[in-house]
Amino acid sequence: MNINPDNSSDQNLSVQLQSVKIAIQDATQTCQGNVILLLALLRQLENLHREIRDGVFQESLPDNRQRLYALLKDIESQGGWPYIERMRLQAFLANLSDEIENK
């Protein structure tokens, strides 16, 4: 489950992931200051996460206990389950209240 730096396909994936990260950072810079565009970017990332999770990830889940155990062990050792957290409405409103008070 871990990315092995000695494997050329794993190195290729690492390069691809770095490219994706840079593209997202560039898009973030482009959207900076425009909350509507930033929200659209976050929605797109959430949709992509859902597509991967509900599609190829579920199809790739282990079919026996040993592989399931290895997957769960890897998830735990590598930082847990990937999760895209949404901003809570109360936090959003608190930020809005602070902005209004500061004007």
PDB file of N, CA and C in Angstrom:
ATOM      1  N   MET A   1       0.805  -1.197   0.000  1.00  0.00           N
ATOM      2  CA  MET A   1       0.000   0.000   0.000  1.00  0.00           C
ATOM      3  C   MET A   1       0.860   1.279   0.000  1.00  0.00           C
ATOM      4  N   ASN A   2       1.998   1.229   0.653  1.00  0.00           N
ATOM      5  CA  ASN A   2       2.876   2.397   0.682  1.00  0.00           C
ATOM      6  C   ASN A   2       3.470   2.640  -0.694  1.00  0.00           C
ATOM      7  N   ILE A   3       3.778   3.888  -0.993  1.00  0.00           N
ATOM      8  CA  ILE A   3       4.468   4.194  -2.237  1.00  0.00           C
ATOM      9  C   ILE A   3       5.931   3.840  -2.037  1.00  0.00           C
ATOM     10  N   ASN A   4       6.447   2.962  -2.878  1.00  0.00           N
ATOM     11  CA  ASN A   4       7.817   2.499  -2.789  1.00  0.00           C
ATOM     12  C   ASN A   4       8.670   3.300  -3.759  1.00  0.00           C
ATOM     13  N   PRO A   5       9.637   4.104  -3.248  1.00  0.00           N
ATOM     14  CA  PRO A   5      10.429   4.955  -4.141  1.00  0.00           C
ATOM     15  C   PRO A   5      11.301   4.186  -5.121  1.00  0.00           C
ATOM     16  N   ASP A   6      11.517   2.882  -4.898  1.00  0.00           N
ATOM     17  CA  ASP A   6      12.330   2.089  -5.806  1.00  0.00           C
ATOM     18  C   ASP A   6      11.552   1.617  -7.024  1.00  0.00           C
ATOM     19  N   ASN A   7      10.243   1.716  -6.995  1.00  0.00           N
ATOM     20  CA  ASN A   7       9.391   1.228  -8.075  1.00  0.00           C
ATOM     21  C   ASN A   7       9.119   2.381  -9.044  1.00  0.00           C
ATOM     22  N   SER A   8       9.377   2.167 -10.347  1.00  0.00           N
ATOM     23  CA  SER A   8       9.227   3.246 -11.326  1.00  0.00           C
ATOM     24  C   SER A   8       7.780   3.710 -11.462  1.00  0.00           C
ATOM     25  N   SER A   9       6.800   2.798 -11.342  1.00  0.00           N
ATOM     26  CA  SER A   9       5.406   3.236 -11.433  1.00  0.00           C
ATOM     27  C   SER A   9       5.023   4.071 -10.216  1.00  0.00           C
ATOM     28  N   ASP A  10       5.572   3.743  -9.043  1.00  0.00           N
ATOM     29  CA  ASP A  10       5.326   4.554  -7.850  1.00  0.00           C
ATOM     30  C   ASP A  10       5.973   5.934  -7.985  1.00  0.00           C
ATOM     31  N   GLN A  11       7.162   5.981  -8.602  1.00  0.00           N
ATOM     32  CA  GLN A  11       7.822   7.264  -8.839  1.00  0.00           C
ATOM     33  C   GLN A  11       7.005   8.101  -9.819  1.00  0.00           C
ATOM     34  N   ASN A  12       6.457   7.452 -10.845  1.00  0.00           N
ATOM     35  CA  ASN A  12       5.615   8.144 -11.816  1.00  0.00           C
ATOM     36  C   ASN A  12       4.386   8.722 -11.131  1.00  0.00           C
ATOM     37  N   LEU A  13       3.765   7.939 -10.229  1.00  0.00           N
ATOM     38  CA  LEU A  13       2.605   8.431  -9.493  1.00  0.00           C
ATOM     39  C   LEU A  13       2.998   9.614  -8.617  1.00  0.00           C
ATOM     40  N   SER A  14       4.146   9.538  -7.973  1.00  0.00           N
ATOM     41  CA  SER A  14       4.598  10.654  -7.133  1.00  0.00           C
ATOM     42  C   SER A  14       4.763  11.931  -7.952  1.00  0.00           C
ATOM     43  N   VAL A  15       5.309  11.797  -9.147  1.00  0.00           N
ATOM     44  CA  VAL A  15       5.467  12.953 -10.047  1.00  0.00           C
ATOM     45  C   VAL A  15       4.102  13.489 -10.455  1.00  0.00           C
ATOM     46  N   GLN A  16       3.178  12.593 -10.791  1.00  0.00           N
ATOM     47  CA  GLN A  16       1.831  13.013 -11.170  1.00  0.00           C
ATOM     48  C   GLN A  16       1.127  13.711 -10.017  1.00  0.00           C
ATOM     49  N   LEU A  17       1.249  13.156  -8.810  1.00  0.00           N
ATOM     50  CA  LEU A  17       0.615  13.779  -7.645  1.00  0.00           C
ATOM     51  C   LEU A  17       1.206  15.161  -7.368  1.00  0.00           C
ATOM     52  N   GLN A  18       2.509  15.300  -7.542  1.00  0.00           N
ATOM     53  CA  GLN A  18       3.146  16.606  -7.358  1.00  0.00           C
ATOM     54  C   GLN A  18       2.618  17.596  -8.397  1.00  0.00           C
ATOM     55  N   SER A  19       2.416  17.151  -9.619  1.00  0.00           N
ATOM     56  CA  SER A  19       1.862  18.006 -10.667  1.00  0.00           C
ATOM     57  C   SER A  19       0.442  18.449 -10.323  1.00  0.00           C
ATOM     58  N   VAL A  20      -0.351  17.515  -9.798  1.00  0.00           N
ATOM     59  CA  VAL A  20      -1.724  17.833  -9.386  1.00  0.00           C
ATOM     60  C   VAL A  20      -1.700  18.865  -8.264  1.00  0.00           C
ATOM     61  N   LYS A  21      -0.820  18.658  -7.302  1.00  0.00           N
ATOM     62  CA  LYS A  21      -0.696  19.593  -6.178  1.00  0.00           C
ATOM     63  C   LYS A  21      -0.347  20.997  -6.679  1.00  0.00           C
ATOM     64  N   ILE A  22       0.599  21.082  -7.582  1.00  0.00           N
ATOM     65  CA  ILE A  22       1.009  22.378  -8.126  1.00  0.00           C
ATOM     66  C   ILE A  22      -0.134  23.029  -8.900  1.00  0.00           C
ATOM     67  N   ALA A  23      -0.868  22.229  -9.680  1.00  0.00           N
ATOM     68  CA  ALA A  23      -2.006  22.769 -10.434  1.00  0.00           C
ATOM     69  C   ALA A  23      -3.076  23.319  -9.497  1.00  0.00           C
ATOM     70  N   ILE A  24      -3.337  22.610  -8.400  1.00  0.00           N
ATOM     71  CA  ILE A  24      -4.332  23.081  -7.437  1.00  0.00           C
ATOM     72  C   ILE A  24      -3.845  24.354  -6.741  1.00  0.00           C
ATOM     73  N   GLN A  25      -2.563  24.392  -6.400  1.00  0.00           N
ATOM     74  CA  GLN A  25      -2.011  25.602  -5.787  1.00  0.00           C
ATOM     75  C   GLN A  25      -2.083  26.784  -6.749  1.00  0.00           C
ATOM     76  N   ASP A  26      -1.806  26.554  -8.026  1.00  0.00           N
ATOM     77  CA  ASP A  26      -1.921  27.613  -9.031  1.00  0.00           C
ATOM     78  C   ASP A  26      -3.363  28.104  -9.148  1.00  0.00           C
ATOM     79  N   ALA A  27      -4.309  27.154  -9.170  1.00  0.00           N
ATOM     80  CA  ALA A  27      -5.722  27.533  -9.241  1.00  0.00           C
ATOM     81  C   ALA A  27      -6.129  28.327  -8.011  1.00  0.00           C
ATOM     82  N   THR A  28      -5.605  27.939  -6.864  1.00  0.00           N
ATOM     83  CA  THR A  28      -5.899  28.664  -5.622  1.00  0.00           C
ATOM     84  C   THR A  28      -5.385  30.094  -5.704  1.00  0.00           C
ATOM     85  N   GLN A  29      -4.185  30.264  -6.225  1.00  0.00           N
ATOM     86  CA  GLN A  29      -3.631  31.614  -6.384  1.00  0.00           C
ATOM     87  C   GLN A  29      -4.477  32.447  -7.345  1.00  0.00           C
ATOM     88  N   THR A  30      -4.940  31.811  -8.416  1.00  0.00           N
ATOM     89  CA  THR A  30      -5.785  32.498  -9.396  1.00  0.00           C
ATOM     90  C   THR A  30      -7.093  32.960  -8.756  1.00  0.00           C
ATOM     91  N   CYS A  31      -7.632  32.141  -7.856  1.00  0.00           N
ATOM     92  CA  CYS A  31      -8.920  32.429  -7.219  1.00  0.00           C
ATOM     93  C   CYS A  31      -8.786  33.329  -5.988  1.00  0.00           C
ATOM     94  N   GLN A  32      -7.578  33.570  -5.539  1.00  0.00           N
ATOM     95  CA  GLN A  32      -7.374  34.295  -4.285  1.00  0.00           C
ATOM     96  C   GLN A  32      -8.146  35.612  -4.276  1.00  0.00           C
ATOM     97  N   GLY A  33      -8.907  35.804  -3.206  1.00  0.00           N
ATOM     98  CA  GLY A  33      -9.698  37.016  -3.060  1.00  0.00           C
ATOM     99  C   GLY A  33     -11.106  36.905  -3.632  1.00  0.00           C
ATOM    100  N   ASN A  34     -11.375  35.852  -4.378  1.00  0.00           N
ATOM    101  CA  ASN A  34     -12.697  35.670  -4.967  1.00  0.00           C
ATOM    102  C   ASN A  34     -13.348  34.447  -4.319  1.00  0.00           C
ATOM    103  N   VAL A  35     -14.175  34.696  -3.324  1.00  0.00           N
ATOM    104  CA  VAL A  35     -14.753  33.613  -2.537  1.00  0.00           C
ATOM    105  C   VAL A  35     -15.617  32.680  -3.380  1.00  0.00           C
ATOM    106  N   ILE A  36     -16.261  33.185  -4.407  1.00  0.00           N
ATOM    107  CA  ILE A  36     -17.103  32.344  -5.270  1.00  0.00           C
ATOM    108  C   ILE A  36     -16.236  31.354  -6.048  1.00  0.00           C
ATOM    109  N   LEU A  37     -15.125  31.828  -6.599  1.00  0.00           N
ATOM    110  CA  LEU A  37     -14.228  30.927  -7.324  1.00  0.00           C
ATOM    111  C   LEU A  37     -13.568  29.929  -6.381  1.00  0.00           C
ATOM    112  N   LEU A  38     -13.192  30.360  -5.188  1.00  0.00           N
ATOM    113  CA  LEU A  38     -12.602  29.451  -4.213  1.00  0.00           C
ATOM    114  C   LEU A  38     -13.596  28.374  -3.803  1.00  0.00           C
ATOM    115  N   LEU A  39     -14.847  28.764  -3.619  1.00  0.00           N
ATOM    116  CA  LEU A  39     -15.889  27.806  -3.287  1.00  0.00           C
ATOM    117  C   LEU A  39     -16.086  26.805  -4.428  1.00  0.00           C
ATOM    118  N   ALA A  40     -16.032  27.275  -5.661  1.00  0.00           N
ATOM    119  CA  ALA A  40     -16.145  26.377  -6.821  1.00  0.00           C
ATOM    120  C   ALA A  40     -14.969  25.396  -6.850  1.00  0.00           C
ATOM    121  N   LEU A  41     -13.784  25.871  -6.526  1.00  0.00           N
ATOM    122  CA  LEU A  41     -12.607  25.001  -6.468  1.00  0.00           C
ATOM    123  C   LEU A  41     -12.777  23.938  -5.391  1.00  0.00           C
ATOM    124  N   LEU A  42     -13.222  24.340  -4.207  1.00  0.00           N
ATOM    125  CA  LEU A  42     -13.455  23.378  -3.125  1.00  0.00           C
ATOM    126  C   LEU A  42     -14.520  22.352  -3.505  1.00  0.00           C
ATOM    127  N   ARG A  43     -15.565  22.807  -4.169  1.00  0.00           N
ATOM    128  CA  ARG A  43     -16.613  21.875  -4.609  1.00  0.00           C
ATOM    129  C   ARG A  43     -16.065  20.875  -5.616  1.00  0.00           C
ATOM    130  N   GLN A  44     -15.239  21.350  -6.521  1.00  0.00           N
ATOM    131  CA  GLN A  44     -14.657  20.454  -7.528  1.00  0.00           C
ATOM    132  C   GLN A  44     -13.763  19.409  -6.866  1.00  0.00           C
ATOM    133  N   LEU A  45     -12.969  19.839  -5.890  1.00  0.00           N
ATOM    134  CA  LEU A  45     -12.105  18.899  -5.171  1.00  0.00           C
ATOM    135  C   LEU A  45     -12.934  17.871  -4.400  1.00  0.00           C
ATOM    136  N   GLU A  46     -14.011  18.322  -3.786  1.00  0.00           N
ATOM    137  CA  GLU A  46     -14.899  17.412  -3.065  1.00  0.00           C
ATOM    138  C   GLU A  46     -15.535  16.397  -4.024  1.00  0.00           C
ATOM    139  N   ASN A  47     -15.976  16.866  -5.184  1.00  0.00           N
ATOM    140  CA  ASN A  47     -16.571  15.967  -6.175  1.00  0.00           C
ATOM    141  C   ASN A  47     -15.563  14.939  -6.676  1.00  0.00           C
ATOM    142  N   LEU A  48     -14.339  15.388  -6.908  1.00  0.00           N
ATOM    143  CA  LEU A  48     -13.294  14.470  -7.357  1.00  0.00           C
ATOM    144  C   LEU A  48     -12.999  13.426  -6.283  1.00  0.00           C
ATOM    145  N   HIS A  49     -12.929  13.862  -5.037  1.00  0.00           N
ATOM    146  CA  HIS A  49     -12.722  12.944  -3.922  1.00  0.00           C
ATOM    147  C   HIS A  49     -13.831  11.883  -3.890  1.00  0.00           C
ATOM    148  N   ARG A  50     -15.072  12.326  -4.036  1.00  0.00           N
ATOM    149  CA  ARG A  50     -16.216  11.408  -4.014  1.00  0.00           C
ATOM    150  C   ARG A  50     -16.156  10.434  -5.188  1.00  0.00           C
ATOM    151  N   GLU A  51     -15.816  10.932  -6.383  1.00  0.00           N
ATOM    152  CA  GLU A  51     -15.718  10.062  -7.565  1.00  0.00           C
ATOM    153  C   GLU A  51     -14.688   8.959  -7.365  1.00  0.00           C
ATOM    154  N   ILE A  52     -13.531   9.326  -6.859  1.00  0.00           N
ATOM    155  CA  ILE A  52     -12.468   8.344  -6.640  1.00  0.00           C
ATOM    156  C   ILE A  52     -12.893   7.344  -5.569  1.00  0.00           C
ATOM    157  N   ARG A  53     -13.414   7.865  -4.456  1.00  0.00           N
ATOM    158  CA  ARG A  53     -13.815   7.001  -3.337  1.00  0.00           C
ATOM    159  C   ARG A  53     -14.908   6.028  -3.743  1.00  0.00           C
ATOM    160  N   ASP A  54     -15.950   6.529  -4.408  1.00  0.00           N
ATOM    161  CA  ASP A  54     -17.109   5.707  -4.735  1.00  0.00           C
ATOM    162  C   ASP A  54     -16.902   4.859  -5.985  1.00  0.00           C
ATOM    163  N   GLY A  55     -15.864   5.137  -6.726  1.00  0.00           N
ATOM    164  CA  GLY A  55     -15.606   4.406  -7.962  1.00  0.00           C
ATOM    165  C   GLY A  55     -14.449   3.444  -7.825  1.00  0.00           C
ATOM    166  N   VAL A  56     -13.318   3.837  -8.349  1.00  0.00           N
ATOM    167  CA  VAL A  56     -12.172   2.925  -8.436  1.00  0.00           C
ATOM    168  C   VAL A  56     -11.644   2.490  -7.077  1.00  0.00           C
ATOM    169  N   PHE A  57     -11.772   3.328  -6.049  1.00  0.00           N
ATOM    170  CA  PHE A  57     -11.293   2.912  -4.729  1.00  0.00           C
ATOM    171  C   PHE A  57     -12.122   1.742  -4.204  1.00  0.00           C
ATOM    172  N   GLN A  58     -13.447   1.884  -4.243  1.00  0.00           N
ATOM    173  CA  GLN A  58     -14.296   0.798  -3.749  1.00  0.00           C
ATOM    174  C   GLN A  58     -14.109  -0.483  -4.561  1.00  0.00           C
ATOM    175  N   GLU A  59     -13.923  -0.312  -5.856  1.00  0.00           N
ATOM    176  CA  GLU A  59     -13.699  -1.478  -6.716  1.00  0.00           C
ATOM    177  C   GLU A  59     -12.376  -2.170  -6.401  1.00  0.00           C
ATOM    178  N   SER A  60     -11.435  -1.427  -5.819  1.00  0.00           N
ATOM    179  CA  SER A  60     -10.100  -1.958  -5.532  1.00  0.00           C
ATOM    180  C   SER A  60      -9.945  -2.482  -4.111  1.00  0.00           C
ATOM    181  N   LEU A  61     -10.998  -2.406  -3.310  1.00  0.00           N
ATOM    182  CA  LEU A  61     -10.894  -2.854  -1.924  1.00  0.00           C
ATOM    183  C   LEU A  61     -10.531  -4.344  -1.856  1.00  0.00           C
ATOM    184  N   PRO A  62      -9.818  -4.721  -0.810  1.00  0.00           N
ATOM    185  CA  PRO A  62      -9.374  -6.113  -0.666  1.00  0.00           C
ATOM    186  C   PRO A  62     -10.541  -7.095  -0.609  1.00  0.00           C
ATOM    187  N   ASP A  63     -10.245  -8.316  -1.064  1.00  0.00           N
ATOM    188  CA  ASP A  63     -11.275  -9.342  -1.073  1.00  0.00           C
ATOM    189  C   ASP A  63     -10.988 -10.472  -0.093  1.00  0.00           C
ATOM    190  N   ASN A  64      -9.977 -10.268   0.768  1.00  0.00           N
ATOM    191  CA  ASN A  64      -9.721 -11.264   1.809  1.00  0.00           C
ATOM    192  C   ASN A  64      -9.203 -10.561   3.067  1.00  0.00           C
ATOM    193  N   ARG A  65      -9.188 -11.281   4.178  1.00  0.00           N
ATOM    194  CA  ARG A  65      -8.835 -10.689   5.471  1.00  0.00           C
ATOM    195  C   ARG A  65      -7.402 -10.194   5.528  1.00  0.00           C
ATOM    196  N   GLN A  66      -6.479 -10.936   4.949  1.00  0.00           N
ATOM    197  CA  GLN A  66      -5.069 -10.537   5.006  1.00  0.00           C
ATOM    198  C   GLN A  66      -4.853  -9.201   4.299  1.00  0.00           C
ATOM    199  N   ARG A  67      -5.435  -9.065   3.126  1.00  0.00           N
ATOM    200  CA  ARG A  67      -5.284  -7.811   2.377  1.00  0.00           C
ATOM    201  C   ARG A  67      -6.027  -6.668   3.073  1.00  0.00           C
ATOM    202  N   LEU A  68      -7.177  -6.958   3.644  1.00  0.00           N
ATOM    203  CA  LEU A  68      -7.914  -5.943   4.391  1.00  0.00           C
ATOM    204  C   LEU A  68      -7.106  -5.477   5.594  1.00  0.00           C
ATOM    205  N   TYR A  69      -6.518  -6.417   6.310  1.00  0.00           N
ATOM    206  CA  TYR A  69      -5.683  -6.068   7.457  1.00  0.00           C
ATOM    207  C   TYR A  69      -4.512  -5.196   7.011  1.00  0.00           C
ATOM    208  N   ALA A  70      -3.859  -5.573   5.913  1.00  0.00           N
ATOM    209  CA  ALA A  70      -2.729  -4.787   5.405  1.00  0.00           C
ATOM    210  C   ALA A  70      -3.177  -3.368   5.037  1.00  0.00           C
ATOM    211  N   LEU A  71      -4.347  -3.256   4.416  1.00  0.00           N
ATOM    212  CA  LEU A  71      -4.871  -1.936   4.051  1.00  0.00           C
ATOM    213  C   LEU A  71      -5.149  -1.099   5.292  1.00  0.00           C
ATOM    214  N   LEU A  72      -5.829  -1.685   6.271  1.00  0.00           N
ATOM    215  CA  LEU A  72      -6.151  -0.948   7.492  1.00  0.00           C
ATOM    216  C   LEU A  72      -4.887  -0.546   8.244  1.00  0.00           C
ATOM    217  N   LYS A  73      -3.905  -1.418   8.273  1.00  0.00           N
ATOM    218  CA  LYS A  73      -2.624  -1.111   8.913  1.00  0.00           C
ATOM    219  C   LYS A  73      -1.946   0.063   8.197  1.00  0.00           C
ATOM    220  N   ASP A  74      -1.980   0.043   6.868  1.00  0.00           N
ATOM    221  CA  ASP A  74      -1.395   1.123   6.086  1.00  0.00           C
ATOM    222  C   ASP A  74      -2.137   2.443   6.323  1.00  0.00           C
ATOM    223  N   ILE A  75      -3.454   2.398   6.346  1.00  0.00           N
ATOM    224  CA  ILE A  75      -4.250   3.611   6.588  1.00  0.00           C
ATOM    225  C   ILE A  75      -3.879   4.212   7.936  1.00  0.00           C
ATOM    226  N   GLU A  76      -3.771   3.358   8.947  1.00  0.00           N
ATOM    227  CA  GLU A  76      -3.442   3.844  10.282  1.00  0.00           C
ATOM    228  C   GLU A  76      -2.025   4.402  10.360  1.00  0.00           C
ATOM    229  N   SER A  77      -1.081   3.738   9.733  1.00  0.00           N
ATOM    230  CA  SER A  77       0.321   4.176   9.832  1.00  0.00           C
ATOM    231  C   SER A  77       0.624   5.389   8.959  1.00  0.00           C
ATOM    232  N   GLN A  78      -0.173   5.609   7.918  1.00  0.00           N
ATOM    233  CA  GLN A  78       0.100   6.700   6.983  1.00  0.00           C
ATOM    234  C   GLN A  78      -0.769   7.932   7.195  1.00  0.00           C
ATOM    235  N   GLY A  79      -1.463   8.022   8.309  1.00  0.00           N
ATOM    236  CA  GLY A  79      -2.183   9.254   8.606  1.00  0.00           C
ATOM    237  C   GLY A  79      -3.687   9.156   8.585  1.00  0.00           C
ATOM    238  N   GLY A  80      -4.238   7.989   8.510  1.00  0.00           N
ATOM    239  CA  GLY A  80      -5.673   7.851   8.613  1.00  0.00           C
ATOM    240  C   GLY A  80      -6.392   7.966   7.284  1.00  0.00           C
ATOM    241  N   TRP A  81      -7.699   7.991   7.401  1.00  0.00           N
ATOM    242  CA  TRP A  81      -8.581   8.031   6.251  1.00  0.00           C
ATOM    243  C   TRP A  81      -8.613   9.435   5.657  1.00  0.00           C
ATOM    244  N   PRO A  82      -8.480   9.583   4.338  1.00  0.00           N
ATOM    245  CA  PRO A  82      -8.564  10.913   3.733  1.00  0.00           C
ATOM    246  C   PRO A  82      -9.968  11.490   3.892  1.00  0.00           C
ATOM    247  N   TYR A  83     -10.029  12.722   4.292  1.00  0.00           N
ATOM    248  CA  TYR A  83     -11.317  13.339   4.574  1.00  0.00           C
ATOM    249  C   TYR A  83     -11.253  14.800   4.162  1.00  0.00           C
ATOM    250  N   ILE A  84     -12.277  15.262   3.496  1.00  0.00           N
ATOM    251  CA  ILE A  84     -12.372  16.676   3.142  1.00  0.00           C
ATOM    252  C   ILE A  84     -13.410  17.291   4.065  1.00  0.00           C
ATOM    253  N   GLU A  85     -12.932  18.092   4.987  1.00  0.00           N
ATOM    254  CA  GLU A  85     -13.816  18.684   5.976  1.00  0.00           C
ATOM    255  C   GLU A  85     -14.491  19.926   5.419  1.00  0.00           C
ATOM    256  N   ARG A  86     -15.746  20.053   5.713  1.00  0.00           N
ATOM    257  CA  ARG A  86     -16.487  21.246   5.323  1.00  0.00           C
ATOM    258  C   ARG A  86     -16.454  22.243   6.466  1.00  0.00           C
ATOM    259  N   MET A  87     -16.427  23.510   6.119  1.00  0.00           N
ATOM    260  CA  MET A  87     -16.482  24.546   7.134  1.00  0.00           C
ATOM    261  C   MET A  87     -17.871  24.512   7.765  1.00  0.00           C
ATOM    262  N   ARG A  88     -17.903  24.527   9.055  1.00  0.00           N
ATOM    263  CA  ARG A  88     -19.193  24.523   9.750  1.00  0.00           C
ATOM    264  C   ARG A  88     -19.872  25.877   9.575  1.00  0.00           C
ATOM    265  N   LEU A  89     -21.176  25.843   9.422  1.00  0.00           N
ATOM    266  CA  LEU A  89     -21.937  27.065   9.200  1.00  0.00           C
ATOM    267  C   LEU A  89     -21.741  28.049  10.346  1.00  0.00           C
ATOM    268  N   GLN A  90     -21.667  27.554  11.574  1.00  0.00           N
ATOM    269  CA  GLN A  90     -21.463  28.438  12.726  1.00  0.00           C
ATOM    270  C   GLN A  90     -20.126  29.157  12.628  1.00  0.00           C
ATOM    271  N   ALA A  91     -19.072  28.457  12.205  1.00  0.00           N
ATOM    272  CA  ALA A  91     -17.762  29.088  12.047  1.00  0.00           C
ATOM    273  C   ALA A  91     -17.816  30.136  10.944  1.00  0.00           C
ATOM    274  N   PHE A  92     -18.508  29.812   9.855  1.00  0.00           N
ATOM    275  CA  PHE A  92     -18.672  30.759   8.757  1.00  0.00           C
ATOM    276  C   PHE A  92     -19.371  32.025   9.247  1.00  0.00           C
ATOM    277  N   LEU A  93     -20.456  31.848  10.002  1.00  0.00           N
ATOM    278  CA  LEU A  93     -21.203  33.000  10.514  1.00  0.00           C
ATOM    279  C   LEU A  93     -20.386  33.787  11.531  1.00  0.00           C
ATOM    280  N   ALA A  94     -19.571  33.107  12.337  1.00  0.00           N
ATOM    281  CA  ALA A  94     -18.708  33.791  13.297  1.00  0.00           C
ATOM    282  C   ALA A  94     -17.693  34.661  12.560  1.00  0.00           C
ATOM    283  N   ASN A  95     -17.122  34.119  11.474  1.00  0.00           N
ATOM    284  CA  ASN A  95     -16.179  34.906  10.662  1.00  0.00           C
ATOM    285  C   ASN A  95     -16.880  36.103  10.043  1.00  0.00           C
ATOM    286  N   LEU A  96     -18.095  35.904   9.601  1.00  0.00           N
ATOM    287  CA  LEU A  96     -18.876  36.985   9.016  1.00  0.00           C
ATOM    288  C   LEU A  96     -19.160  38.055  10.057  1.00  0.00           C
ATOM    289  N   SER A  97     -19.523  37.648  11.261  1.00  0.00           N
ATOM    290  CA  SER A  97     -19.797  38.596  12.356  1.00  0.00           C
ATOM    291  C   SER A  97     -18.564  39.407  12.684  1.00  0.00           C
ATOM    292  N   ASP A  98     -17.398  38.751  12.711  1.00  0.00           N
ATOM    293  CA  ASP A  98     -16.145  39.461  12.988  1.00  0.00           C
ATOM    294  C   ASP A  98     -15.870  40.503  11.918  1.00  0.00           C
ATOM    295  N   GLU A  99     -16.111  40.148  10.655  1.00  0.00           N
ATOM    296  CA  GLU A  99     -15.905  41.081   9.546  1.00  0.00           C
ATOM    297  C   GLU A  99     -16.841  42.291   9.664  1.00  0.00           C
ATOM    298  N   ILE A 100     -18.082  42.049  10.002  1.00  0.00           N
ATOM    299  CA  ILE A 100     -19.057  43.133  10.125  1.00  0.00           C
ATOM    300  C   ILE A 100     -18.666  44.063  11.266  1.00  0.00           C
ATOM    301  N   GLU A 101     -18.231  43.491  12.393  1.00  0.00           N
ATOM    302  CA  GLU A 101     -17.837  44.298  13.555  1.00  0.00           C
ATOM    303  C   GLU A 101     -16.607  45.132  13.272  1.00  0.00           C
ATOM    304  N   ASN A 102     -15.712  44.646  12.442  1.00  0.00           N
ATOM    305  CA  ASN A 102     -14.446  45.348  12.145  1.00  0.00           C
ATOM    306  C   ASN A 102     -14.625  46.466  11.138  1.00  0.00           C
ATOM    307  N   LYS A 103     -15.793  46.573  10.511  1.00  0.00           N
ATOM    308  CA  LYS A 103     -16.026  47.622   9.504  1.00  0.00           C
ATOM    309  C   LYS A 103     -16.521  48.875  10.130  1.00  0.00           C
TER     310      LYS A 103
END
